[in-house]
Each structure stands twice: as structure tokens, then as C-alpha cells.
Amino acid sequence: MENLNAIRVFAKVAETRSFTDAAKHLGLTSSAVSKAITRLEQELGVRLLHRTTRSVGLTNDGASFFERCQQILTDVGDAENALNRSRAAPHGRLRLHMPVGFGRRVIVPALSGFIERYPDLVLDAELSDRMIDLAYEGIDVAVQIGEPADARLIARHLCHLRFVACASPDYLARHGEPATPEDLEHHHCLAYVMMHTGRYREWQFLKDGKAVAKTVSGRLNINNAESLLEAATAGLGVAMISNFIAADALRSGRLRPVLTDYVAQGPPVSAVYLPGKNLSPKVRAFVDFLSDLISSDPHWDEATARG
């Protein structure tokens, strides 16, 4: 059969025992109902109804078929209801990827509310700083720091990171405080090593519209931002650290910001996902959650400036 419409028409005629009443219920003409029943009987090769000018009755084959049709229509209705529910409520497995530091410090501590809100979701979250392929690896949503490398992805901007140059009070008491980026040449600097290139990340500053970039390195250079934080709080030198990582240490006084007259702008943070005609409820829910969690002016910026 081409579709379920003919079954629905037959079931309504069998239920009402009237072409006219069935037509009224279905919003059709009596002629359309009659033609639908005729086509159905021809397709099945049996007579389903006894027709007279005054009444409509079921044949033996019609009665048996009507019983089966009722179950079919019930099953179809249940399936449609289940599908509508699944479209409305996020459910299933949601695969996530996020950078280690940002995931640990910002996202994971806030997940309890999201999990409680969507009890039918299971989250598989990978925290790593490796390059990923969302389509190949089946990842639903990734949090990326920096401009998305794949133009095919849909990106929702979450915030712009800032860096903060900082050192421990003990280090500053022993070595003094740099007043300009040029003064860093006379300090122990803790550089971030980009292992995929072997280079050190530049320290970029902006003051009065003028950009200043410094490539620094010292006796200790690390490829992990959390470890840079630990080295800085241990008094090993001046570090340039993402503000969301340094915020707690700055608030507690374990670190002090330096070069506060200079803005150290960092990269954008985005939630990225694969394009599709219809965005799945689980992806939409998580991206909205991230957007609400991370405003355009994140709370950790408050700790960057000297109090």
C-alpha cells in the first residue's frame, strides 16, 4: 500500500458503518471515501464491505482486516507520539570534547545542573588538547579555543579569553616587578611550549592601540597551562596564563598580576558542531547551556586586574 491513509479511511467506515459519517470525521467527501475503499479492496483482492443504499457492513474478511487495522493504527500512533517526545526532549548519548584546562575549570564543575535537567541524557566527555575530527569520531559538540579550523562546522561564539602576566609575591619580592614588556628580558619567564611546532607561544600585549609581541623562554618551559600555574605559584618565574586558570590564585593572593597597564588579549572560545537541516535537541540543549554558562564578559575576568 502506498500509505496508511487508505487503512485510516477503512477503519473509520468500519467504525461508523457509514461512508457519510466517516467522511465528516476525516474531512473528506463521501465520494473520496468510497473511492479509497474501492482502491483498497482492489489492492487486497477481497471485498471488505457489504454496501447497500441504507447500510454498510463488514464482510468476514473485512472484520478480520478491521481487527488488524485497529492494532496497526494504535502502533503507528504510539510510534508517532514517541517520536514527538524524542524530538522535544533531549535523550540518548551526547559525545563531547573540550580542552583539558577549560573543561576542568569551567565546564565540568557546572554540569550537575545540566545532568539533573535532562535525566535521559548520557554524557561521554573527552578532555584533551589534541586535534579532532567531529564527523570521523562521532563527536556531537566540541569546545574549541581559537578560530575554528574547519569552515564546514557551525560555531557558536562563547567568549574571548584574556591572558594575564603574573608571578608569586615571593618571586616579585626577590626579583622586582616588570613595568613594561621589555623588562621581561631581565626576568625568569615561564613559556608555554607548543609541542606540535616546538615553538614558544608569543606573549602579546596591547596598549593605546599599539600591539607588542614578545617571544619569551627561560630555564623552565611547559606545554601544559595547569603546570605553568603551579610553577608560577611556586615562585619559579613570571608566566602568561589564561585568566580562567589563574583566577583562583589571583583572588587568593598566591599570584599577583603584573604589567596591568597592558591588555593581553587571547583567542575566542566557541562551541562547534556539525551542520544539519535539523539541530538535534541534545546538541541544541548543550550549546544553549554553554552559552548561558559563559557570558561574553566571564566572571573570571574580575580577578585579572589588581584589586
C-alpha atoms as a PDB file:
ATOM      1  CA  MET A   1       0.000   0.000   0.000  1.00  0.00           C
ATOM      2  CA  GLU A   2       1.200   3.472  -0.752  1.00  0.00           C
ATOM      3  CA  ASN A   3       0.467   4.787   2.745  1.00  0.00           C
ATOM      4  CA  LEU A   4      -1.711   4.437   5.790  1.00  0.00           C
ATOM      5  CA  ASN A   5      -4.420   6.792   4.574  1.00  0.00           C
ATOM      6  CA  ALA A   6      -6.466   4.011   2.999  1.00  0.00           C
ATOM      7  CA  ILE A   7      -6.323   1.987   6.231  1.00  0.00           C
ATOM      8  CA  ARG A   8      -7.435   5.012   8.227  1.00  0.00           C
ATOM      9  CA  VAL A   9     -10.369   5.579   5.861  1.00  0.00           C
ATOM     10  CA  PHE A  10     -11.423   1.924   6.005  1.00  0.00           C
ATOM     11  CA  ALA A  11     -11.157   1.814   9.810  1.00  0.00           C
ATOM     12  CA  LYS A  12     -13.350   4.892  10.171  1.00  0.00           C
ATOM     13  CA  VAL A  13     -16.000   3.457   7.802  1.00  0.00           C
ATOM     14  CA  ALA A  14     -15.935   0.159   9.687  1.00  0.00           C
ATOM     15  CA  GLU A  15     -16.276   2.018  12.975  1.00  0.00           C
ATOM     16  CA  THR A  16     -19.154   4.301  11.926  1.00  0.00           C
ATOM     17  CA  ARG A  17     -20.798   1.875   9.444  1.00  0.00           C
ATOM     18  CA  SER A  18     -21.328   4.905   7.212  1.00  0.00           C
ATOM     19  CA  PHE A  19     -19.481   6.476   4.318  1.00  0.00           C
ATOM     20  CA  THR A  20     -21.092   9.816   5.118  1.00  0.00           C
ATOM     21  CA  ASP A  21     -20.172   9.830   8.805  1.00  0.00           C
ATOM     22  CA  ALA A  22     -16.651   8.612   8.047  1.00  0.00           C
ATOM     23  CA  ALA A  23     -16.225  11.401   5.510  1.00  0.00           C
ATOM     24  CA  LYS A  24     -17.309  14.008   8.095  1.00  0.00           C
ATOM     25  CA  HIS A  25     -14.816  12.703  10.669  1.00  0.00           C
ATOM     26  CA  LEU A  26     -11.974  12.617   8.157  1.00  0.00           C
ATOM     27  CA  GLY A  27     -12.734  15.921   6.449  1.00  0.00           C
ATOM     28  CA  LEU A  28     -13.300  14.222   3.095  1.00  0.00           C
ATOM     29  CA  THR A  29     -16.174  13.901   0.665  1.00  0.00           C
ATOM     30  CA  SER A  30     -18.271  10.744   0.593  1.00  0.00           C
ATOM     31  CA  SER A  31     -17.065  10.170  -2.956  1.00  0.00           C
ATOM     32  CA  ALA A  32     -13.409  10.301  -1.865  1.00  0.00           C
ATOM     33  CA  VAL A  33     -14.105   7.801   0.920  1.00  0.00           C
ATOM     34  CA  SER A  34     -15.863   5.437  -1.481  1.00  0.00           C
ATOM     35  CA  LYS A  35     -13.026   5.616  -3.998  1.00  0.00           C
ATOM     36  CA  ALA A  36     -10.432   4.955  -1.280  1.00  0.00           C
ATOM     37  CA  ILE A  37     -12.277   1.818  -0.127  1.00  0.00           C
ATOM     38  CA  THR A  38     -12.632   0.591  -3.712  1.00  0.00           C
ATOM     39  CA  ARG A  39      -8.898   1.027  -4.376  1.00  0.00           C
ATOM     40  CA  LEU A  40      -8.053  -0.754  -1.114  1.00  0.00           C
ATOM     41  CA  GLU A  41     -10.289  -3.724  -1.983  1.00  0.00           C
ATOM     42  CA  GLN A  42      -8.741  -3.937  -5.436  1.00  0.00           C
ATOM     43  CA  GLU A  43      -5.265  -3.881  -3.989  1.00  0.00           C
ATOM     44  CA  LEU A  44      -6.046  -6.570  -1.422  1.00  0.00           C
ATOM     45  CA  GLY A  45      -8.117  -8.648  -3.855  1.00  0.00           C
ATOM     46  CA  VAL A  46     -11.001  -9.130  -1.385  1.00  0.00           C
ATOM     47  CA  ARG A  47     -14.294  -7.431  -0.603  1.00  0.00           C
ATOM     48  CA  LEU A  48     -14.162  -5.711   2.778  1.00  0.00           C
ATOM     49  CA  LEU A  49     -17.622  -4.150   2.976  1.00  0.00           C
ATOM     50  CA  HIS A  50     -21.208  -5.025   2.150  1.00  0.00           C
ATOM     51  CA  ARG A  51     -22.786  -1.901   0.678  1.00  0.00           C
ATOM     52  CA  THR A  52     -26.484  -1.154   0.398  1.00  0.00           C
ATOM     53  CA  THR A  53     -28.321   2.098  -0.056  1.00  0.00           C
ATOM     54  CA  ARG A  54     -29.161   2.122   3.647  1.00  0.00           C
ATOM     55  CA  SER A  55     -26.257   0.485   5.439  1.00  0.00           C
ATOM     56  CA  VAL A  56     -22.630  -0.560   5.334  1.00  0.00           C
ATOM     57  CA  GLY A  57     -21.475  -3.817   6.906  1.00  0.00           C
ATOM     58  CA  LEU A  58     -18.234  -5.779   7.200  1.00  0.00           C
ATOM     59  CA  THR A  59     -17.609  -8.977   5.315  1.00  0.00           C
ATOM     60  CA  ASN A  60     -15.832 -11.795   7.151  1.00  0.00           C
ATOM     61  CA  ASP A  61     -12.557 -10.702   5.528  1.00  0.00           C
ATOM     62  CA  GLY A  62     -13.404  -7.100   6.372  1.00  0.00           C
ATOM     63  CA  ALA A  63     -13.996  -7.892  10.043  1.00  0.00           C
ATOM     64  CA  SER A  64     -10.683  -9.745  10.300  1.00  0.00           C
ATOM     65  CA  PHE A  65      -8.856  -6.965   8.477  1.00  0.00           C
ATOM     66  CA  PHE A  66     -10.510  -4.294  10.660  1.00  0.00           C
ATOM     67  CA  GLU A  67      -9.209  -6.009  13.808  1.00  0.00           C
ATOM     68  CA  ARG A  68      -5.668  -5.959  12.422  1.00  0.00           C
ATOM     69  CA  CYS A  69      -6.050  -2.353  11.222  1.00  0.00           C
ATOM     70  CA  GLN A  70      -7.002  -1.186  14.710  1.00  0.00           C
ATOM     71  CA  GLN A  71      -3.778  -2.632  16.105  1.00  0.00           C
ATOM     72  CA  ILE A  72      -1.731  -1.164  13.248  1.00  0.00           C
ATOM     73  CA  LEU A  73      -3.177   2.319  13.767  1.00  0.00           C
ATOM     74  CA  THR A  74      -2.610   2.062  17.532  1.00  0.00           C
ATOM     75  CA  ASP A  75       1.030   1.077  16.969  1.00  0.00           C
ATOM     76  CA  VAL A  76       1.522   3.889  14.466  1.00  0.00           C
ATOM     77  CA  GLY A  77       0.008   6.396  16.880  1.00  0.00           C
ATOM     78  CA  ASP A  78       2.287   5.189  19.687  1.00  0.00           C
ATOM     79  CA  ALA A  79       5.313   5.448  17.404  1.00  0.00           C
ATOM     80  CA  GLU A  80       4.385   8.986  16.354  1.00  0.00           C
ATOM     81  CA  ASN A  81       3.903  10.033  19.986  1.00  0.00           C
ATOM     82  CA  ALA A  82       7.255   8.519  20.958  1.00  0.00           C
ATOM     83  CA  LEU A  83       8.951  10.300  18.072  1.00  0.00           C
ATOM     84  CA  ASN A  84       7.382  13.613  19.033  1.00  0.00           C
ATOM     85  CA  ARG A  85       8.545  13.143  22.609  1.00  0.00           C
ATOM     86  CA  SER A  86      12.064  12.311  21.455  1.00  0.00           C
ATOM     87  CA  ARG A  87      12.151  15.431  19.299  1.00  0.00           C
ATOM     88  CA  ALA A  88      11.055  17.615  22.183  1.00  0.00           C
ATOM     89  CA  ALA A  89      13.213  16.185  24.981  1.00  0.00           C
ATOM     90  CA  PRO A  90      16.985  15.649  24.738  1.00  0.00           C
ATOM     91  CA  HIS A  91      17.824  11.989  25.221  1.00  0.00           C
ATOM     92  CA  GLY A  92      20.393   9.370  24.316  1.00  0.00           C
ATOM     93  CA  ARG A  93      24.172   9.679  24.338  1.00  0.00           C
ATOM     94  CA  LEU A  94      25.906  13.051  23.880  1.00  0.00           C
ATOM     95  CA  ARG A  95      29.588  12.883  22.936  1.00  0.00           C
ATOM     96  CA  LEU A  96      31.614  15.933  23.935  1.00  0.00           C
ATOM     97  CA  HIS A  97      35.184  17.146  23.517  1.00  0.00           C
ATOM     98  CA  MET A  98      36.785  20.045  25.364  1.00  0.00           C
ATOM     99  CA  PRO A  99      40.287  21.314  26.179  1.00  0.00           C
ATOM    100  CA  VAL A 100      41.665  19.976  29.452  1.00  0.00           C
ATOM    101  CA  GLY A 101      42.033  23.252  31.337  1.00  0.00           C
ATOM    102  CA  PHE A 102      38.790  24.848  30.169  1.00  0.00           C
ATOM    103  CA  GLY A 103      36.860  21.648  30.713  1.00  0.00           C
ATOM    104  CA  ARG A 104      38.192  21.077  34.222  1.00  0.00           C
ATOM    105  CA  ARG A 105      37.948  24.665  35.412  1.00  0.00           C
ATOM    106  CA  VAL A 106      34.816  25.956  33.702  1.00  0.00           C
ATOM    107  CA  ILE A 107      32.516  23.294  32.254  1.00  0.00           C
ATOM    108  CA  VAL A 108      32.728  20.102  34.329  1.00  0.00           C
ATOM    109  CA  PRO A 109      32.049  21.825  37.688  1.00  0.00           C
ATOM    110  CA  ALA A 110      28.806  23.224  36.240  1.00  0.00           C
ATOM    111  CA  LEU A 111      27.494  20.009  34.656  1.00  0.00           C
ATOM    112  CA  SER A 112      25.417  18.849  37.628  1.00  0.00           C
ATOM    113  CA  GLY A 113      22.584  21.234  36.786  1.00  0.00           C
ATOM    114  CA  PHE A 114      22.564  20.160  33.138  1.00  0.00           C
ATOM    115  CA  ILE A 115      22.533  16.465  34.047  1.00  0.00           C
ATOM    116  CA  GLU A 116      19.696  16.939  36.539  1.00  0.00           C
ATOM    117  CA  ARG A 117      17.661  18.856  33.980  1.00  0.00           C
ATOM    118  CA  TYR A 118      17.970  16.152  31.307  1.00  0.00           C
ATOM    119  CA  PRO A 119      17.809  12.750  33.043  1.00  0.00           C
ATOM    120  CA  ASP A 120      17.501  10.858  29.738  1.00  0.00           C
ATOM    121  CA  LEU A 121      20.908  12.070  28.522  1.00  0.00           C
ATOM    122  CA  VAL A 122      24.215  10.235  28.965  1.00  0.00           C
ATOM    123  CA  LEU A 123      27.315  12.416  28.516  1.00  0.00           C
ATOM    124  CA  ASP A 124      30.607  10.992  27.228  1.00  0.00           C
ATOM    125  CA  ALA A 125      33.147  13.792  27.661  1.00  0.00           C
ATOM    126  CA  GLU A 126      36.747  13.667  26.462  1.00  0.00           C
ATOM    127  CA  LEU A 127      39.134  16.232  27.897  1.00  0.00           C
ATOM    128  CA  SER A 128      42.238  16.580  25.758  1.00  0.00           C
ATOM    129  CA  ASP A 129      44.144  19.192  23.795  1.00  0.00           C
ATOM    130  CA  ARG A 130      44.502  17.108  20.637  1.00  0.00           C
ATOM    131  CA  MET A 131      43.117  17.990  17.220  1.00  0.00           C
ATOM    132  CA  ILE A 132      39.844  16.189  16.479  1.00  0.00           C
ATOM    133  CA  ASP A 133      37.584  15.404  13.533  1.00  0.00           C
ATOM    134  CA  LEU A 134      33.970  15.689  14.683  1.00  0.00           C
ATOM    135  CA  ALA A 135      32.448  13.770  11.778  1.00  0.00           C
ATOM    136  CA  TYR A 136      35.006  10.943  11.753  1.00  0.00           C
ATOM    137  CA  GLU A 137      34.974  10.492  15.537  1.00  0.00           C
ATOM    138  CA  GLY A 138      31.237  10.926  16.019  1.00  0.00           C
ATOM    139  CA  ILE A 139      31.538  13.881  18.388  1.00  0.00           C
ATOM    140  CA  ASP A 140      28.355  15.886  18.855  1.00  0.00           C
ATOM    141  CA  VAL A 141      29.739  19.113  20.366  1.00  0.00           C
ATOM    142  CA  ALA A 142      33.291  20.350  20.872  1.00  0.00           C
ATOM    143  CA  VAL A 143      34.561  23.374  22.746  1.00  0.00           C
ATOM    144  CA  GLN A 144      37.411  24.952  20.800  1.00  0.00           C
ATOM    145  CA  ILE A 145      39.859  27.660  21.789  1.00  0.00           C
ATOM    146  CA  GLY A 146      40.974  29.668  18.783  1.00  0.00           C
ATOM    147  CA  GLU A 147      39.375  30.236  15.416  1.00  0.00           C
ATOM    148  CA  PRO A 148      37.654  27.038  14.175  1.00  0.00           C
ATOM    149  CA  ALA A 149      39.938  25.436  11.617  1.00  0.00           C
ATOM    150  CA  ASP A 150      37.133  23.691   9.723  1.00  0.00           C
ATOM    151  CA  ALA A 151      34.864  26.157   7.926  1.00  0.00           C
ATOM    152  CA  ARG A 152      32.235  23.435   7.467  1.00  0.00           C
ATOM    153  CA  LEU A 153      31.439  23.433  11.183  1.00  0.00           C
ATOM    154  CA  ILE A 154      28.815  25.598  12.838  1.00  0.00           C
ATOM    155  CA  ALA A 155      30.412  27.709  15.583  1.00  0.00           C
ATOM    156  CA  ARG A 156      28.619  29.482  18.465  1.00  0.00           C
ATOM    157  CA  HIS A 157      30.881  32.138  19.976  1.00  0.00           C
ATOM    158  CA  LEU A 158      31.036  31.790  23.764  1.00  0.00           C
ATOM    159  CA  CYS A 159      33.607  34.337  24.919  1.00  0.00           C
ATOM    160  CA  HIS A 160      37.038  35.804  24.263  1.00  0.00           C
ATOM    161  CA  LEU A 161      39.826  34.671  26.536  1.00  0.00           C
ATOM    162  CA  ARG A 162      42.340  37.019  28.050  1.00  0.00           C
ATOM    163  CA  PHE A 163      45.762  36.204  29.366  1.00  0.00           C
ATOM    164  CA  VAL A 164      47.300  37.631  32.494  1.00  0.00           C
ATOM    165  CA  ALA A 165      51.011  38.042  33.171  1.00  0.00           C
ATOM    166  CA  CYS A 166      51.568  37.100  36.770  1.00  0.00           C
ATOM    167  CA  ALA A 167      54.060  35.912  39.360  1.00  0.00           C
ATOM    168  CA  SER A 168      54.082  34.924  43.004  1.00  0.00           C
ATOM    169  CA  PRO A 169      54.586  37.590  45.699  1.00  0.00           C
ATOM    170  CA  ASP A 170      57.762  35.754  46.736  1.00  0.00           C
ATOM    171  CA  TYR A 171      59.220  35.938  43.227  1.00  0.00           C
ATOM    172  CA  LEU A 172      58.370  39.635  42.900  1.00  0.00           C
ATOM    173  CA  ALA A 173      59.921  40.365  46.289  1.00  0.00           C
ATOM    174  CA  ARG A 174      63.177  38.748  45.132  1.00  0.00           C
ATOM    175  CA  HIS A 175      63.311  39.992  41.526  1.00  0.00           C
ATOM    176  CA  GLY A 176      61.172  43.120  41.379  1.00  0.00           C
ATOM    177  CA  GLU A 177      58.180  43.784  39.153  1.00  0.00           C
ATOM    178  CA  PRO A 178      58.409  44.365  35.376  1.00  0.00           C
ATOM    179  CA  ALA A 179      56.947  47.713  34.324  1.00  0.00           C
ATOM    180  CA  THR A 180      56.987  47.131  30.545  1.00  0.00           C
ATOM    181  CA  PRO A 181      57.110  44.072  28.281  1.00  0.00           C
ATOM    182  CA  GLU A 182      60.756  44.939  27.558  1.00  0.00           C
ATOM    183  CA  ASP A 183      61.546  44.426  31.258  1.00  0.00           C
ATOM    184  CA  LEU A 184      60.704  40.743  30.850  1.00  0.00           C
ATOM    185  CA  GLU A 185      64.147  40.234  29.336  1.00  0.00           C
ATOM    186  CA  HIS A 186      65.530  40.628  32.856  1.00  0.00           C
ATOM    187  CA  HIS A 187      63.162  38.113  34.448  1.00  0.00           C
ATOM    188  CA  HIS A 188      62.739  34.362  34.617  1.00  0.00           C
ATOM    189  CA  CYS A 189      59.888  33.727  32.214  1.00  0.00           C
ATOM    190  CA  LEU A 190      57.896  30.514  32.117  1.00  0.00           C
ATOM    191  CA  ALA A 191      56.958  29.891  28.492  1.00  0.00           C
ATOM    192  CA  TYR A 192      54.238  27.718  27.032  1.00  0.00           C
ATOM    193  CA  VAL A 193      55.662  25.162  24.603  1.00  0.00           C
ATOM    194  CA  MET A 194      53.506  24.289  21.580  1.00  0.00           C
ATOM    195  CA  MET A 195      54.602  20.695  21.162  1.00  0.00           C
ATOM    196  CA  HIS A 196      53.190  20.277  17.650  1.00  0.00           C
ATOM    197  CA  THR A 197      55.515  23.048  16.410  1.00  0.00           C
ATOM    198  CA  GLY A 198      58.257  23.071  19.054  1.00  0.00           C
ATOM    199  CA  ARG A 199      57.862  26.840  19.377  1.00  0.00           C
ATOM    200  CA  TYR A 200      57.063  29.026  22.357  1.00  0.00           C
ATOM    201  CA  ARG A 201      53.796  30.910  22.383  1.00  0.00           C
ATOM    202  CA  GLU A 202      54.213  34.662  21.959  1.00  0.00           C
ATOM    203  CA  TRP A 203      53.177  36.971  24.751  1.00  0.00           C
ATOM    204  CA  GLN A 204      51.022  39.592  23.095  1.00  0.00           C
ATOM    205  CA  PHE A 205      50.161  42.928  24.693  1.00  0.00           C
ATOM    206  CA  LEU A 206      48.072  45.890  23.621  1.00  0.00           C
ATOM    207  CA  LYS A 207      48.375  49.431  24.965  1.00  0.00           C
ATOM    208  CA  ASP A 208      46.880  52.596  23.495  1.00  0.00           C
ATOM    209  CA  GLY A 209      46.038  50.717  20.321  1.00  0.00           C
ATOM    210  CA  LYS A 210      49.622  49.558  19.824  1.00  0.00           C
ATOM    211  CA  ALA A 211      50.413  45.843  19.768  1.00  0.00           C
ATOM    212  CA  VAL A 212      53.572  44.462  21.329  1.00  0.00           C
ATOM    213  CA  ALA A 213      54.617  40.831  20.923  1.00  0.00           C
ATOM    214  CA  LYS A 214      57.363  39.153  22.911  1.00  0.00           C
ATOM    215  CA  THR A 215      58.754  35.682  22.364  1.00  0.00           C
ATOM    216  CA  VAL A 216      59.984  34.544  25.764  1.00  0.00           C
ATOM    217  CA  SER A 217      61.625  31.442  27.147  1.00  0.00           C
ATOM    218  CA  GLY A 218      63.579  30.590  30.233  1.00  0.00           C
ATOM    219  CA  ARG A 219      65.066  27.700  32.097  1.00  0.00           C
ATOM    220  CA  LEU A 220      61.641  26.070  32.510  1.00  0.00           C
ATOM    221  CA  ASN A 221      59.144  25.858  29.647  1.00  0.00           C
ATOM    222  CA  ILE A 222      55.996  23.729  29.829  1.00  0.00           C
ATOM    223  CA  ASN A 223      53.338  22.511  27.426  1.00  0.00           C
ATOM    224  CA  ASN A 224      50.518  22.471  29.995  1.00  0.00           C
ATOM    225  CA  ALA A 225      48.781  25.561  31.369  1.00  0.00           C
ATOM    226  CA  GLU A 226      47.896  23.980  34.724  1.00  0.00           C
ATOM    227  CA  SER A 227      51.552  23.132  35.252  1.00  0.00           C
ATOM    228  CA  LEU A 228      52.537  26.688  34.317  1.00  0.00           C
ATOM    229  CA  LEU A 229      50.214  27.861  37.069  1.00  0.00           C
ATOM    230  CA  GLU A 230      51.857  25.538  39.574  1.00  0.00           C
ATOM    231  CA  ALA A 231      55.339  26.686  38.538  1.00  0.00           C
ATOM    232  CA  ALA A 232      54.342  30.346  38.866  1.00  0.00           C
ATOM    233  CA  THR A 233      52.780  29.903  42.316  1.00  0.00           C
ATOM    234  CA  ALA A 234      55.941  28.048  43.368  1.00  0.00           C
ATOM    235  CA  GLY A 235      57.907  31.241  42.635  1.00  0.00           C
ATOM    236  CA  LEU A 236      59.790  29.955  39.593  1.00  0.00           C
ATOM    237  CA  GLY A 237      59.123  32.976  37.401  1.00  0.00           C
ATOM    238  CA  VAL A 238      56.677  35.162  35.501  1.00  0.00           C
ATOM    239  CA  ALA A 239      54.024  33.313  33.493  1.00  0.00           C
ATOM    240  CA  MET A 240      51.392  34.319  30.960  1.00  0.00           C
ATOM    241  CA  ILE A 241      48.339  32.262  31.883  1.00  0.00           C
ATOM    242  CA  SER A 242      44.724  32.167  30.694  1.00  0.00           C
ATOM    243  CA  ASN A 243      42.619  34.191  33.088  1.00  0.00           C
ATOM    244  CA  PHE A 244      40.168  31.385  33.839  1.00  0.00           C
ATOM    245  CA  ILE A 245      43.079  29.227  35.039  1.00  0.00           C
ATOM    246  CA  ALA A 246      44.787  31.974  37.046  1.00  0.00           C
ATOM    247  CA  ALA A 247      41.609  33.471  38.578  1.00  0.00           C
ATOM    248  CA  ASP A 248      41.568  31.493  41.859  1.00  0.00           C
ATOM    249  CA  ALA A 249      45.280  32.019  42.502  1.00  0.00           C
ATOM    250  CA  LEU A 250      44.886  35.742  41.840  1.00  0.00           C
ATOM    251  CA  ARG A 251      41.919  36.052  44.189  1.00  0.00           C
ATOM    252  CA  SER A 252      43.723  34.201  46.972  1.00  0.00           C
ATOM    253  CA  GLY A 253      46.904  36.237  46.562  1.00  0.00           C
ATOM    254  CA  ARG A 254      49.082  33.276  45.596  1.00  0.00           C
ATOM    255  CA  LEU A 255      49.731  35.148  42.359  1.00  0.00           C
ATOM    256  CA  ARG A 256      49.853  38.851  41.574  1.00  0.00           C
ATOM    257  CA  PRO A 257      49.166  40.335  38.123  1.00  0.00           C
ATOM    258  CA  VAL A 258      51.951  42.338  36.527  1.00  0.00           C
ATOM    259  CA  LEU A 259      52.008  44.636  33.501  1.00  0.00           C
ATOM    260  CA  THR A 260      48.424  45.589  34.301  1.00  0.00           C
ATOM    261  CA  ASP A 261      48.647  48.680  32.082  1.00  0.00           C
ATOM    262  CA  TYR A 262      48.770  46.317  29.110  1.00  0.00           C
ATOM    263  CA  VAL A 263      45.881  44.226  27.786  1.00  0.00           C
ATOM    264  CA  ALA A 264      46.798  40.625  26.973  1.00  0.00           C
ATOM    265  CA  GLN A 265      44.039  39.579  24.578  1.00  0.00           C
ATOM    266  CA  GLY A 266      43.595  35.873  23.989  1.00  0.00           C
ATOM    267  CA  PRO A 267      41.761  33.708  21.448  1.00  0.00           C
ATOM    268  CA  PRO A 268      38.000  33.193  21.091  1.00  0.00           C
ATOM    269  CA  VAL A 269      36.203  30.219  22.613  1.00  0.00           C
ATOM    270  CA  SER A 270      33.461  28.550  20.581  1.00  0.00           C
ATOM    271  CA  ALA A 271      31.101  25.609  20.737  1.00  0.00           C
ATOM    272  CA  VAL A 272      31.280  23.816  17.391  1.00  0.00           C
ATOM    273  CA  TYR A 273      29.095  21.132  15.883  1.00  0.00           C
ATOM    274  CA  LEU A 274      28.316  19.611  12.509  1.00  0.00           C
ATOM    275  CA  PRO A 275      25.810  21.346  10.230  1.00  0.00           C
ATOM    276  CA  GLY A 276      22.446  19.739   9.671  1.00  0.00           C
ATOM    277  CA  LYS A 277      18.991  20.651   8.474  1.00  0.00           C
ATOM    278  CA  ASN A 278      17.535  19.988  11.926  1.00  0.00           C
ATOM    279  CA  LEU A 279      19.657  20.527  15.010  1.00  0.00           C
ATOM    280  CA  SER A 280      19.067  17.644  17.429  1.00  0.00           C
ATOM    281  CA  PRO A 281      17.530  18.553  20.803  1.00  0.00           C
ATOM    282  CA  LYS A 282      20.520  17.208  22.742  1.00  0.00           C
ATOM    283  CA  VAL A 283      23.021  19.316  20.779  1.00  0.00           C
ATOM    284  CA  ARG A 284      20.845  22.410  20.987  1.00  0.00           C
ATOM    285  CA  ALA A 285      20.376  21.928  24.741  1.00  0.00           C
ATOM    286  CA  PHE A 286      24.096  21.604  25.437  1.00  0.00           C
ATOM    287  CA  VAL A 287      25.118  24.528  23.238  1.00  0.00           C
ATOM    288  CA  ASP A 288      22.483  26.701  24.937  1.00  0.00           C
ATOM    289  CA  PHE A 289      23.806  25.522  28.308  1.00  0.00           C
ATOM    290  CA  LEU A 290      27.345  26.566  27.361  1.00  0.00           C
ATOM    291  CA  SER A 291      26.145  29.929  26.097  1.00  0.00           C
ATOM    292  CA  ASP A 292      24.318  30.619  29.352  1.00  0.00           C
ATOM    293  CA  LEU A 293      27.246  29.401  31.437  1.00  0.00           C
ATOM    294  CA  ILE A 294      29.863  31.505  29.679  1.00  0.00           C
ATOM    295  CA  SER A 295      28.818  35.079  29.130  1.00  0.00           C
ATOM    296  CA  SER A 296      30.626  37.483  26.797  1.00  0.00           C
ATOM    297  CA  ASP A 297      32.248  39.025  29.893  1.00  0.00           C
ATOM    298  CA  PRO A 298      33.141  35.979  32.024  1.00  0.00           C
ATOM    299  CA  HIS A 299      33.298  36.286  35.789  1.00  0.00           C
ATOM    300  CA  TRP A 300      36.932  35.173  35.899  1.00  0.00           C
ATOM    301  CA  ASP A 301      37.959  38.452  34.236  1.00  0.00           C
ATOM    302  CA  GLU A 302      37.289  40.188  37.549  1.00  0.00           C
ATOM    303  CA  ALA A 303      40.373  38.600  39.063  1.00  0.00           C
ATOM    304  CA  THR A 304      42.707  39.731  36.278  1.00  0.00           C
ATOM    305  CA  ALA A 305      43.015  43.342  37.372  1.00  0.00           C
ATOM    306  CA  ARG A 306      44.855  44.307  40.507  1.00  0.00           C
ATOM    307  CA  GLY A 307      42.334  44.595  43.375  1.00  0.00           C
END
